[in-house]
N, C-alpha and C. Protein backbone atom coordinates (compact mmCIF):
# COMPACT_ATOMS: atom_id res chain seq x y z
N MET A 1 -3.42 37.90 -25.35
CA MET A 1 -3.87 38.15 -24.31
C MET A 1 -2.57 37.66 -23.12
N ALA A 2 -3.23 35.95 -22.98
CA ALA A 2 -2.47 34.91 -22.68
C ALA A 2 -0.99 34.77 -22.55
N ARG A 3 -1.57 34.34 -23.88
CA ARG A 3 0.45 34.48 -24.32
C ARG A 3 1.21 35.43 -23.90
N LYS A 4 0.60 36.74 -23.83
CA LYS A 4 1.52 37.84 -23.32
C LYS A 4 2.01 37.40 -21.73
N THR A 5 1.06 37.39 -21.15
CA THR A 5 0.83 36.57 -19.69
C THR A 5 2.19 35.79 -19.42
N LYS A 6 2.11 35.05 -20.26
CA LYS A 6 2.85 33.08 -20.18
C LYS A 6 4.41 34.28 -20.17
N ILE A 7 4.61 35.03 -21.00
CA ILE A 7 5.81 35.19 -21.14
C ILE A 7 6.68 36.42 -20.31
N GLU A 8 5.44 37.31 -19.71
CA GLU A 8 5.44 37.94 -18.77
C GLU A 8 6.07 36.79 -17.34
N ALA A 9 5.28 35.96 -17.18
CA ALA A 9 5.57 35.21 -16.11
C ALA A 9 6.67 34.60 -16.07
N LEU A 10 7.67 34.41 -17.41
CA LEU A 10 8.67 33.52 -17.51
C LEU A 10 9.98 34.52 -17.54
N ILE A 11 9.27 35.98 -18.21
CA ILE A 11 10.61 37.00 -17.52
C ILE A 11 10.66 37.77 -16.44
N THR A 12 9.37 37.29 -15.32
CA THR A 12 9.54 37.72 -14.19
C THR A 12 10.44 36.87 -13.39
N ARG A 13 10.24 35.38 -13.85
CA ARG A 13 10.50 34.14 -12.66
C ARG A 13 12.06 34.39 -13.31
N GLN A 14 12.55 34.48 -14.56
CA GLN A 14 13.91 34.99 -14.46
C GLN A 14 14.68 35.69 -14.03
N ARG A 15 13.94 37.26 -13.63
CA ARG A 15 14.65 38.13 -12.84
C ARG A 15 14.31 37.85 -11.73
N ILE A 16 13.70 37.03 -10.77
CA ILE A 16 14.10 36.06 -9.60
C ILE A 16 14.92 35.68 -9.64
N LEU A 17 15.27 34.58 -10.47
CA LEU A 17 16.70 33.62 -10.36
C LEU A 17 17.87 34.81 -10.89
N ASN A 18 17.61 35.61 -11.02
CA ASN A 18 19.11 36.20 -11.52
C ASN A 18 19.32 37.39 -10.52
N ALA A 19 18.32 38.01 -9.73
CA ALA A 19 18.63 38.85 -8.43
C ALA A 19 18.91 37.56 -7.60
N ALA A 20 18.26 36.58 -7.22
CA ALA A 20 18.84 35.75 -6.32
C ALA A 20 20.07 35.44 -6.43
N LEU A 21 20.73 35.16 -7.51
CA LEU A 21 22.07 34.29 -7.53
C LEU A 21 22.91 35.56 -7.60
N GLU A 22 22.44 36.76 -7.89
CA GLU A 22 23.21 37.99 -7.69
C GLU A 22 23.67 38.12 -6.03
N ILE A 23 22.70 37.98 -5.45
CA ILE A 23 22.64 38.52 -3.90
C ILE A 23 23.01 37.04 -3.28
N PHE A 24 22.69 36.01 -3.40
CA PHE A 24 23.92 34.81 -3.05
C PHE A 24 25.12 34.69 -3.18
N SER A 25 25.70 35.44 -4.49
CA SER A 25 27.02 34.87 -4.72
C SER A 25 27.92 35.81 -3.73
N SER A 26 27.31 37.31 -3.52
CA SER A 26 28.03 38.44 -2.93
C SER A 26 27.48 38.47 -1.53
N LYS A 27 26.48 37.82 -1.15
CA LYS A 27 26.02 37.50 0.33
C LYS A 27 26.02 36.60 1.04
N GLY A 28 26.00 35.44 0.44
CA GLY A 28 25.92 34.31 0.92
C GLY A 28 24.37 34.24 0.89
N PHE A 29 23.95 32.62 0.78
CA PHE A 29 22.55 32.16 1.04
C PHE A 29 22.07 32.34 2.17
N THR A 30 22.65 32.18 3.38
CA THR A 30 21.57 31.78 4.19
C THR A 30 21.74 33.28 4.92
N SER A 31 22.75 34.28 4.68
CA SER A 31 22.28 35.94 4.93
C SER A 31 21.43 36.95 3.90
N THR A 32 21.08 36.23 2.75
CA THR A 32 19.97 36.40 2.06
C THR A 32 18.60 36.30 2.22
N SER A 33 17.68 37.64 2.27
CA SER A 33 15.92 37.25 2.83
C SER A 33 15.67 37.13 0.93
N LEU A 34 14.41 36.69 1.18
CA LEU A 34 13.20 36.95 0.31
C LEU A 34 13.16 38.23 -0.06
N SER A 35 13.28 39.34 1.21
CA SER A 35 13.02 40.70 0.74
C SER A 35 14.23 41.19 -0.18
N ASP A 36 15.51 41.13 0.18
CA ASP A 36 16.40 41.34 -0.57
C ASP A 36 16.24 40.90 -1.88
N ILE A 37 15.60 39.41 -2.43
CA ILE A 37 15.67 39.41 -3.54
C ILE A 37 14.87 39.99 -4.17
N SER A 38 13.49 40.16 -3.56
CA SER A 38 12.54 40.85 -4.09
C SER A 38 13.01 42.53 -4.25
N THR A 39 13.19 43.28 -3.85
CA THR A 39 13.90 44.50 -3.76
C THR A 39 14.47 44.53 -5.02
N LEU A 40 15.66 43.93 -5.13
CA LEU A 40 17.24 43.22 -6.22
C LEU A 40 16.14 43.03 -7.80
N ALA A 41 15.02 42.68 -7.48
CA ALA A 41 14.38 41.86 -9.27
C ALA A 41 13.06 42.78 -9.04
N ASN A 42 13.19 44.01 -8.10
CA ASN A 42 11.85 44.43 -8.58
C ASN A 42 10.67 44.27 -8.65
N VAL A 43 10.26 43.05 -7.65
CA VAL A 43 8.38 42.18 -7.95
C VAL A 43 8.44 42.18 -6.39
N THR A 44 7.22 42.02 -6.29
CA THR A 44 6.71 41.65 -4.71
C THR A 44 6.93 40.48 -3.84
N ARG A 45 7.12 40.03 -2.57
CA ARG A 45 7.06 38.94 -2.63
C ARG A 45 6.15 37.81 -3.22
N GLY A 46 4.96 38.92 -3.15
CA GLY A 46 3.54 37.52 -3.77
C GLY A 46 4.54 37.45 -4.87
N ALA A 47 4.89 37.85 -5.72
CA ALA A 47 5.36 37.33 -7.11
C ALA A 47 6.33 36.33 -6.81
N ILE A 48 7.56 36.55 -5.76
CA ILE A 48 8.29 35.09 -5.86
C ILE A 48 7.46 33.97 -4.90
N TYR A 49 6.90 34.01 -4.40
CA TYR A 49 5.98 32.64 -3.67
C TYR A 49 5.11 32.40 -4.96
N TRP A 50 4.71 32.93 -6.19
CA TRP A 50 3.72 32.74 -7.72
C TRP A 50 4.72 31.72 -8.10
N HIS A 51 6.26 31.72 -8.18
CA HIS A 51 6.79 30.90 -9.04
C HIS A 51 7.65 30.12 -8.38
N PHE A 52 8.03 30.31 -6.92
CA PHE A 52 8.62 29.00 -5.88
C PHE A 52 8.18 29.39 -4.69
N GLU A 53 8.35 28.10 -3.88
CA GLU A 53 7.89 27.85 -2.81
C GLU A 53 8.92 28.49 -1.37
N ASN A 54 10.10 28.38 -1.93
CA ASN A 54 10.94 29.47 -0.59
C ASN A 54 11.77 29.46 -1.32
N LYS A 55 12.93 29.53 -0.64
CA LYS A 55 14.41 30.09 -0.92
C LYS A 55 15.06 28.97 -1.20
N ASP A 56 14.79 27.89 -0.81
CA ASP A 56 15.65 26.84 -1.30
C ASP A 56 15.21 26.34 -2.44
N ASP A 57 14.03 26.32 -3.04
CA ASP A 57 13.20 26.16 -4.35
C ASP A 57 14.07 27.29 -5.40
N ILE A 58 14.32 27.98 -4.73
CA ILE A 58 15.34 29.07 -5.65
C ILE A 58 16.41 28.48 -5.98
N LEU A 59 17.22 28.10 -5.28
CA LEU A 59 18.73 27.58 -5.30
C LEU A 59 18.74 26.57 -6.21
N HIS A 60 17.72 25.42 -6.05
CA HIS A 60 17.49 24.41 -6.53
C HIS A 60 17.42 24.66 -8.15
N GLU A 61 16.12 25.59 -8.17
CA GLU A 61 16.39 26.08 -9.41
C GLU A 61 17.51 26.25 -10.47
N ILE A 62 18.35 27.67 -9.60
CA ILE A 62 19.55 28.02 -10.32
C ILE A 62 20.53 27.02 -10.54
N PHE A 63 20.85 25.74 -9.46
CA PHE A 63 21.64 24.46 -9.71
C PHE A 63 20.35 23.43 -10.83
N CYS A 64 19.67 24.07 -10.96
CA CYS A 64 18.74 22.84 -12.20
C CYS A 64 19.61 23.95 -13.84
N ASP A 65 19.58 24.70 -13.85
CA ASP A 65 20.19 25.60 -15.04
C ASP A 65 21.43 25.34 -15.34
N PHE A 66 22.41 25.16 -14.11
CA PHE A 66 23.70 24.96 -13.98
C PHE A 66 24.48 23.39 -14.92
N GLU A 67 22.97 22.53 -14.40
CA GLU A 67 23.35 21.28 -14.52
C GLU A 67 22.96 20.96 -16.16
N VAL A 68 21.97 21.24 -16.62
CA VAL A 68 21.62 22.04 -18.05
C VAL A 68 22.61 22.36 -19.28
N MET A 69 23.28 23.36 -18.77
CA MET A 69 24.45 24.06 -18.86
C MET A 69 26.00 22.94 -18.85
N LYS A 70 25.60 22.24 -17.98
CA LYS A 70 26.64 21.54 -17.74
C LYS A 70 26.85 19.91 -18.55
N SER A 71 25.39 19.66 -19.05
CA SER A 71 25.03 18.61 -20.14
C SER A 71 25.20 18.89 -21.48
N GLU A 72 25.26 20.51 -21.72
CA GLU A 72 24.96 20.53 -22.95
C GLU A 72 26.60 20.40 -23.32
N HIS A 73 27.77 21.12 -22.67
CA HIS A 73 28.73 21.45 -22.80
C HIS A 73 29.65 20.23 -22.86
N ILE A 74 29.41 19.11 -22.40
CA ILE A 74 29.65 18.16 -22.40
C ILE A 74 29.58 17.48 -23.63
N LYS A 75 28.87 17.35 -24.11
CA LYS A 75 28.40 16.63 -24.98
C LYS A 75 29.37 15.96 -26.06
N PRO A 76 30.42 17.12 -26.85
CA PRO A 76 31.47 16.84 -27.63
C PRO A 76 32.38 15.93 -26.77
N PHE A 77 32.50 15.64 -25.38
CA PHE A 77 33.32 15.16 -25.17
C PHE A 77 32.90 13.95 -24.96
N HIS A 78 31.58 13.32 -24.88
CA HIS A 78 31.13 11.95 -24.72
C HIS A 78 31.13 11.54 -26.53
N VAL A 79 31.54 12.28 -27.36
CA VAL A 79 31.18 11.96 -29.11
C VAL A 79 32.40 11.88 -29.45
N MET A 80 34.10 12.27 -28.57
CA MET A 80 35.21 12.45 -28.68
C MET A 80 35.94 11.01 -28.10
N LEU A 81 35.05 11.15 -27.28
CA LEU A 81 35.51 9.91 -26.02
C LEU A 81 36.23 8.79 -26.51
N ASN A 82 35.89 8.06 -27.68
CA ASN A 82 36.12 6.84 -28.13
C ASN A 82 37.02 6.91 -29.20
N THR A 83 37.29 8.20 -29.98
CA THR A 83 38.12 8.25 -30.92
C THR A 83 39.50 8.96 -30.74
N ASN A 84 39.58 9.55 -29.58
CA ASN A 84 40.59 10.75 -29.16
C ASN A 84 40.54 11.68 -27.51
N PRO A 85 40.45 10.36 -26.77
CA PRO A 85 39.82 10.53 -25.63
C PRO A 85 40.92 11.39 -24.90
N LEU A 86 42.19 11.35 -24.53
CA LEU A 86 43.43 12.51 -24.19
C LEU A 86 42.88 14.16 -24.46
N ILE A 87 42.27 13.87 -26.46
CA ILE A 87 42.02 15.46 -26.35
C ILE A 87 40.41 15.66 -26.26
N ALA A 88 39.98 14.79 -26.03
CA ALA A 88 38.48 15.07 -25.35
C ALA A 88 38.48 15.57 -24.51
N LEU A 89 39.39 15.25 -23.13
CA LEU A 89 39.53 15.53 -22.06
C LEU A 89 39.89 17.05 -22.00
N LYS A 90 40.99 17.15 -22.64
CA LYS A 90 41.47 18.38 -22.69
C LYS A 90 41.03 19.10 -23.18
N GLU A 91 39.90 19.32 -24.19
CA GLU A 91 38.81 20.28 -24.89
C GLU A 91 37.71 20.27 -23.78
N ALA A 92 37.19 19.24 -22.99
CA ALA A 92 36.20 19.47 -22.22
C ALA A 92 37.08 20.75 -21.01
N LEU A 93 37.88 20.42 -20.59
CA LEU A 93 38.65 21.06 -19.45
C LEU A 93 38.69 22.44 -19.88
N ILE A 94 39.15 22.63 -21.28
CA ILE A 94 39.39 24.25 -21.62
C ILE A 94 37.99 24.84 -21.55
N LYS A 95 37.12 23.52 -22.12
CA LYS A 95 35.60 24.53 -22.52
C LYS A 95 35.06 25.07 -20.78
N THR A 96 35.49 24.35 -20.03
CA THR A 96 35.06 24.54 -18.69
C THR A 96 35.53 26.08 -17.98
N LEU A 97 36.57 25.99 -18.62
CA LEU A 97 37.31 27.71 -18.07
C LEU A 97 36.66 28.85 -18.83
N ASP A 98 36.41 28.08 -20.32
CA ASP A 98 35.87 29.43 -21.45
C ASP A 98 34.71 29.65 -20.93
N ILE A 99 33.85 28.72 -20.26
CA ILE A 99 32.41 28.99 -19.53
C ILE A 99 32.06 30.17 -18.55
N ILE A 100 33.10 29.62 -17.37
CA ILE A 100 33.22 30.29 -16.50
C ILE A 100 33.88 31.89 -16.94
N TYR A 101 34.68 31.84 -17.48
CA TYR A 101 35.36 33.37 -17.81
C TYR A 101 34.39 34.17 -18.75
N HIS A 102 33.70 33.50 -20.05
CA HIS A 102 32.90 34.37 -20.69
C HIS A 102 31.65 34.74 -20.31
N ASP A 103 31.11 33.96 -19.26
CA ASP A 103 29.57 33.90 -18.71
C ASP A 103 29.35 34.17 -17.13
N LYS A 104 29.21 35.12 -17.16
CA LYS A 104 29.30 36.41 -15.04
C LYS A 104 28.23 34.87 -14.66
N LYS A 105 26.78 34.31 -15.15
CA LYS A 105 26.11 33.83 -14.16
C LYS A 105 26.99 32.48 -14.11
N GLN A 106 27.75 32.07 -14.61
CA GLN A 106 28.56 30.68 -14.34
C GLN A 106 28.95 30.85 -13.40
N ALA A 107 30.43 32.20 -13.45
CA ALA A 107 31.07 32.68 -12.58
C ALA A 107 30.27 32.62 -10.89
N LYS A 108 29.14 33.42 -11.13
CA LYS A 108 28.31 33.69 -9.87
C LYS A 108 28.18 32.49 -8.89
N ILE A 109 27.93 31.62 -9.84
CA ILE A 109 27.45 30.08 -9.22
C ILE A 109 28.59 29.34 -8.83
N MET A 110 29.90 29.76 -9.61
CA MET A 110 31.35 29.23 -9.05
C MET A 110 31.11 29.71 -7.90
N SER A 111 31.12 30.85 -7.50
CA SER A 111 31.75 31.84 -5.87
C SER A 111 30.90 31.22 -5.32
N LEU A 112 29.43 30.97 -5.33
CA LEU A 112 28.68 30.64 -4.77
C LEU A 112 28.99 29.10 -4.15
N ILE A 113 29.22 28.20 -5.29
CA ILE A 113 29.22 26.91 -5.03
C ILE A 113 30.90 26.93 -3.98
N PHE A 114 31.82 27.76 -4.29
CA PHE A 114 33.40 27.40 -3.69
C PHE A 114 33.22 28.54 -2.53
N PHE A 115 32.92 29.50 -2.46
CA PHE A 115 33.30 30.26 -0.98
C PHE A 115 32.12 30.40 0.03
N ASP A 116 30.13 29.66 -0.40
CA ASP A 116 29.91 29.81 0.79
C ASP A 116 29.95 28.42 1.33
N ARG A 117 30.64 28.80 2.60
CA ARG A 117 31.06 27.38 3.72
C ARG A 117 30.15 26.90 4.17
N GLU A 118 29.41 27.35 4.63
CA GLU A 118 27.57 27.48 5.38
C GLU A 118 27.05 26.48 4.48
N LEU A 119 26.68 27.20 3.53
CA LEU A 119 25.97 26.62 2.20
C LEU A 119 26.36 25.06 1.94
N ALA A 120 27.59 24.59 1.70
CA ALA A 120 28.07 23.73 1.17
C ALA A 120 28.29 22.72 2.36
N TYR A 121 27.93 23.27 3.84
CA TYR A 121 27.94 22.29 4.56
C TYR A 121 26.77 21.70 4.83
N LYS A 122 25.71 22.04 4.30
CA LYS A 122 24.57 22.31 4.89
C LYS A 122 23.69 21.49 3.87
N ASN A 123 24.18 21.91 2.38
CA ASN A 123 23.47 21.32 1.16
C ASN A 123 24.06 20.07 0.44
N ASN A 124 23.35 19.14 -0.05
CA ASN A 124 23.86 18.23 -0.38
C ASN A 124 24.42 18.41 -1.65
N SER A 125 23.15 19.11 -2.49
CA SER A 125 23.68 19.41 -4.22
C SER A 125 24.98 20.16 -4.14
N VAL A 126 24.88 21.32 -3.16
CA VAL A 126 26.15 22.01 -3.36
C VAL A 126 27.56 21.26 -3.53
N ARG A 127 27.68 20.04 -2.45
CA ARG A 127 28.56 19.20 -1.97
C ARG A 127 28.60 18.27 -3.80
N ASN A 128 27.66 17.81 -4.03
CA ASN A 128 27.50 16.92 -5.57
C ASN A 128 28.42 17.97 -6.47
N ILE A 129 28.04 19.42 -6.78
CA ILE A 129 27.93 19.86 -7.65
C ILE A 129 29.81 20.40 -8.18
N ARG A 130 30.11 20.44 -6.79
CA ARG A 130 31.47 21.19 -6.35
C ARG A 130 32.21 19.29 -6.96
N LYS A 131 31.94 18.48 -6.24
CA LYS A 131 32.41 17.14 -6.27
C LYS A 131 32.77 17.08 -7.66
N ASN A 132 31.67 17.04 -8.76
CA ASN A 132 31.64 17.11 -10.32
C ASN A 132 30.87 18.18 -10.79
N ILE A 133 32.14 19.36 -10.50
CA ILE A 133 31.79 20.97 -11.32
C ILE A 133 32.03 20.43 -12.84
N LEU A 134 33.30 19.41 -12.95
CA LEU A 134 33.75 19.40 -14.32
C LEU A 134 33.03 18.43 -15.67
N PHE A 135 32.25 17.23 -14.80
CA PHE A 135 31.86 16.75 -15.36
C PHE A 135 30.95 15.79 -14.72
N ASN A 136 30.47 14.61 -15.15
CA ASN A 136 29.80 13.75 -14.58
C ASN A 136 30.68 12.70 -14.05
N ASP A 137 30.31 12.41 -12.24
CA ASP A 137 30.78 11.34 -11.83
C ASP A 137 31.44 10.24 -12.56
N GLY A 138 32.85 10.05 -12.83
CA GLY A 138 33.49 8.98 -13.88
C GLY A 138 33.82 9.18 -15.01
N ASP A 139 33.47 10.72 -15.43
CA ASP A 139 34.00 10.72 -16.78
C ASP A 139 35.25 11.02 -17.13
N ILE A 140 36.28 11.38 -16.29
CA ILE A 140 37.64 11.47 -16.12
C ILE A 140 38.38 10.31 -16.09
N GLU A 141 37.78 9.84 -15.13
CA GLU A 141 37.89 8.30 -14.97
C GLU A 141 37.81 7.71 -16.19
N SER A 142 36.82 7.40 -17.40
CA SER A 142 36.58 7.23 -18.07
C SER A 142 37.44 7.31 -19.38
N ALA A 143 37.64 8.98 -19.67
CA ALA A 143 38.58 9.32 -20.04
C ALA A 143 40.18 8.78 -20.20
N LEU A 144 40.65 8.55 -18.67
CA LEU A 144 41.73 8.22 -18.69
C LEU A 144 41.86 6.99 -18.77
N THR A 145 41.07 5.69 -18.70
CA THR A 145 40.62 4.49 -18.70
C THR A 145 41.15 4.59 -20.28
N LYS A 146 40.30 5.34 -21.03
CA LYS A 146 40.69 5.06 -22.70
C LYS A 146 41.70 5.49 -22.85
N CYS A 147 42.48 6.02 -22.33
CA CYS A 147 43.64 6.87 -22.60
C CYS A 147 45.28 5.61 -22.21
N LYS A 148 45.02 4.74 -21.41
CA LYS A 148 45.50 4.03 -20.75
C LYS A 148 45.38 2.57 -22.22
N GLU A 149 44.78 2.34 -22.21
CA GLU A 149 43.99 1.37 -22.69
C GLU A 149 44.45 1.44 -24.46
N SER A 150 44.50 2.74 -24.73
CA SER A 150 45.51 2.81 -26.40
C SER A 150 46.30 3.01 -26.31
N GLY A 151 47.09 2.67 -24.51
CA GLY A 151 48.62 3.35 -25.00
C GLY A 151 49.18 4.15 -24.42
N ILE A 152 48.38 5.21 -24.66
CA ILE A 152 49.30 6.50 -24.22
C ILE A 152 49.92 6.50 -22.82
N TYR A 153 49.12 5.78 -22.00
CA TYR A 153 49.78 5.60 -20.46
C TYR A 153 49.97 3.98 -20.73
N GLN A 154 50.90 4.05 -19.85
CA GLN A 154 51.35 2.51 -19.66
C GLN A 154 51.10 1.72 -18.56
N GLU A 155 51.02 0.88 -18.20
CA GLU A 155 49.60 -0.44 -17.41
C GLU A 155 50.20 0.25 -16.48
N SER A 156 51.18 0.88 -15.46
CA SER A 156 51.44 1.29 -14.19
C SER A 156 50.15 2.23 -13.71
N PHE A 157 50.14 2.98 -15.20
CA PHE A 157 49.09 4.49 -14.65
C PHE A 157 48.03 4.21 -13.79
N ASP A 158 48.17 5.11 -13.12
CA ASP A 158 46.82 4.70 -11.76
C ASP A 158 45.81 6.31 -12.07
N ILE A 159 44.82 5.09 -12.53
CA ILE A 159 43.37 5.67 -13.33
C ILE A 159 43.02 7.10 -12.50
N GLN A 160 42.41 6.21 -11.29
CA GLN A 160 41.94 7.22 -10.24
C GLN A 160 42.48 7.94 -9.07
N LYS A 161 44.14 7.50 -8.91
CA LYS A 161 44.98 9.53 -8.46
C LYS A 161 44.88 10.34 -9.67
N ASN A 162 45.33 9.47 -10.45
CA ASN A 162 45.01 10.57 -11.75
C ASN A 162 44.13 11.58 -12.29
N ALA A 163 43.35 10.75 -11.83
CA ALA A 163 41.60 11.47 -11.96
C ALA A 163 41.57 12.63 -10.84
N THR A 164 41.83 11.85 -9.63
CA THR A 164 41.77 13.26 -8.53
C THR A 164 42.69 14.27 -8.86
N MET A 165 43.99 14.16 -9.07
CA MET A 165 45.33 15.43 -9.50
C MET A 165 44.83 16.28 -10.53
N ILE A 166 43.86 15.63 -11.79
CA ILE A 166 43.25 16.76 -12.73
C ILE A 166 42.11 17.13 -11.73
N ARG A 167 41.39 17.11 -11.45
CA ARG A 167 40.43 17.75 -10.50
C ARG A 167 40.47 18.44 -9.48
N ILE A 168 41.36 18.26 -8.91
CA ILE A 168 42.41 19.06 -7.91
C ILE A 168 43.29 20.42 -8.69
N PHE A 169 43.76 20.25 -9.91
CA PHE A 169 44.57 21.35 -10.29
C PHE A 169 43.52 21.70 -11.02
N VAL A 170 42.59 21.98 -11.61
CA VAL A 170 41.54 22.60 -12.27
C VAL A 170 40.63 23.22 -11.95
N ILE A 171 40.06 23.15 -10.41
CA ILE A 171 39.23 23.42 -9.70
C ILE A 171 40.01 24.20 -8.65
N GLY A 172 41.49 24.10 -8.69
CA GLY A 172 42.92 25.20 -7.87
C GLY A 172 42.68 26.30 -8.85
N ILE A 173 42.48 26.52 -10.10
CA ILE A 173 42.77 27.02 -11.22
C ILE A 173 41.69 28.29 -11.09
N ILE A 174 40.36 27.50 -11.43
CA ILE A 174 38.75 28.47 -10.75
C ILE A 174 38.93 28.86 -9.81
N GLU A 175 39.52 28.28 -8.77
CA GLU A 175 39.30 29.07 -7.54
C GLU A 175 40.44 30.01 -7.48
N CYS A 176 41.07 30.26 -7.99
CA CYS A 176 42.27 31.34 -7.75
C CYS A 176 41.74 32.09 -8.88
N TRP A 177 40.88 32.18 -9.67
CA TRP A 177 40.44 32.87 -10.58
C TRP A 177 39.48 33.26 -10.18
N LEU A 178 38.68 33.09 -9.56
CA LEU A 178 37.56 33.69 -8.81
C LEU A 178 38.32 34.55 -7.73
N THR A 179 39.12 34.13 -7.07
CA THR A 179 39.27 35.57 -5.76
C THR A 179 40.62 36.26 -6.29
N GLU A 180 41.11 36.55 -7.37
CA GLU A 180 42.03 37.17 -7.86
C GLU A 180 41.42 36.95 -9.54
N PRO A 181 40.20 37.69 -9.81
CA PRO A 181 40.26 37.78 -11.71
C PRO A 181 41.47 38.42 -11.70
N ASP A 182 41.61 39.26 -11.74
CA ASP A 182 42.73 40.73 -12.60
C ASP A 182 44.05 39.58 -12.34
N LYS A 183 44.82 38.85 -11.63
CA LYS A 183 45.94 38.49 -11.96
C LYS A 183 46.36 37.78 -12.95
N PHE A 184 45.35 37.12 -13.77
CA PHE A 184 45.33 36.24 -14.85
C PHE A 184 44.46 35.86 -15.57
N ASN A 185 44.35 35.65 -16.80
CA ASN A 185 43.31 35.37 -17.63
C ASN A 185 42.69 33.67 -17.62
N LEU A 186 41.91 34.02 -16.95
CA LEU A 186 41.11 32.12 -17.21
C LEU A 186 41.54 31.40 -17.77
N PHE A 187 41.07 31.80 -18.91
CA PHE A 187 40.46 31.09 -20.32
C PHE A 187 41.83 30.50 -20.99
N GLN A 188 42.62 31.80 -21.47
CA GLN A 188 44.16 31.85 -21.97
C GLN A 188 44.58 31.26 -21.40
N ASP A 189 45.26 31.71 -20.24
CA ASP A 189 46.07 30.87 -19.22
C ASP A 189 46.01 29.91 -18.82
N GLY A 190 44.62 29.65 -18.36
CA GLY A 190 44.14 28.80 -18.35
C GLY A 190 43.90 27.41 -19.02
N GLU A 191 44.07 27.18 -20.07
CA GLU A 191 44.27 26.67 -21.42
C GLU A 191 45.25 26.06 -21.69
N LYS A 192 46.59 27.07 -21.23
CA LYS A 192 48.08 26.98 -21.32
C LYS A 192 48.39 25.72 -20.42
N ALA A 193 47.93 25.96 -19.54
CA ALA A 193 48.16 25.24 -18.10
C ALA A 193 47.80 23.93 -18.14
N ILE A 194 46.42 23.85 -18.30
CA ILE A 194 45.88 22.62 -18.37
C ILE A 194 46.44 21.87 -19.65
N ALA A 195 46.80 22.09 -21.13
CA ALA A 195 47.87 21.74 -21.97
C ALA A 195 49.07 21.05 -21.94
N ARG A 196 49.65 22.15 -20.49
CA ARG A 196 50.98 22.00 -20.27
C ARG A 196 51.00 19.88 -19.40
N PHE A 197 49.71 20.38 -18.57
CA PHE A 197 49.40 19.59 -17.42
C PHE A 197 49.41 18.02 -17.88
N LEU A 198 48.31 17.86 -18.41
CA LEU A 198 48.11 16.59 -19.06
C LEU A 198 49.19 16.14 -19.94
N ASP A 199 50.13 17.32 -20.67
CA ASP A 199 50.95 16.83 -21.21
C ASP A 199 52.32 15.95 -20.51
N THR A 200 52.29 16.53 -19.34
CA THR A 200 53.32 15.74 -18.57
C THR A 200 52.41 14.69 -17.70
N THR A 201 51.54 14.25 -17.61
CA THR A 201 50.64 13.12 -17.01
C THR A 201 51.51 11.79 -17.49
N PRO A 202 51.68 10.87 -16.93
CA PRO A 202 51.30 10.52 -15.54
C PRO A 202 51.61 11.50 -14.50
N ILE A 203 50.94 11.63 -13.23
CA ILE A 203 51.94 12.24 -12.15
C ILE A 203 52.32 11.60 -11.22
N ILE A 204 51.22 10.21 -11.46
CA ILE A 204 51.20 9.37 -9.57
C ILE A 204 51.42 7.77 -11.23
C-alpha cells in the first residue's frame, strides 16, 4: 500500500510539472497562477503545495530536469573530445537539435527560455541556461582548443570569437525553428547547416 502511495505521489508530481511547463511556455511564467496549473493537472492546490513550495520551486525543478538531460547528452562529447574534437563538437551540436526536435518537453523549455523575456530578466537560472544552452560553460572553447592544438585550425585562429559565433549560429537556428516550426526540419536541415558551418570555420 505504501509503495502504491509513493508511486501515485510521483505520478502526481510529474503531472504538476508537465502542466506547469505547458502553461509557462504558452502563457508566460508571470501570467501563470497556481490555479491554472492545478486545473490543467487536475489536482488540488493542496497537492501542489505538498510537492512544491511555490511557483518558483516548480520552475526550478523543470530546469533541473533540463540540466540532467543536457549532462546525459554531452557525455559522448567528452569521451570523444581528445581523439576527434571537431567530430565531437559537430555531433554534440546536432544531438542538441535532435533532442529539441523530437522531444516536445525540451522544445517547450526552449520556448520558455527564449521567449519569456520578463522571466529571463528576473531569473538568473534562465539567463545561465540560455548562455550555456548547448554545453556547459567552456565546452565549445575546449573543443576548438583541441582542434587548434591538433592542427585543424591555424595558429591565428581566435578560439573565443569563433566559440561565440558557433553559439550565435546554433541558437539562431533553434530560435527560428521555435518561431516557425513549419518552415524547416530542425533536425535534418539543422544537421546540414551545422556541418557546413563548421566545415567553413574559422570565421574569424
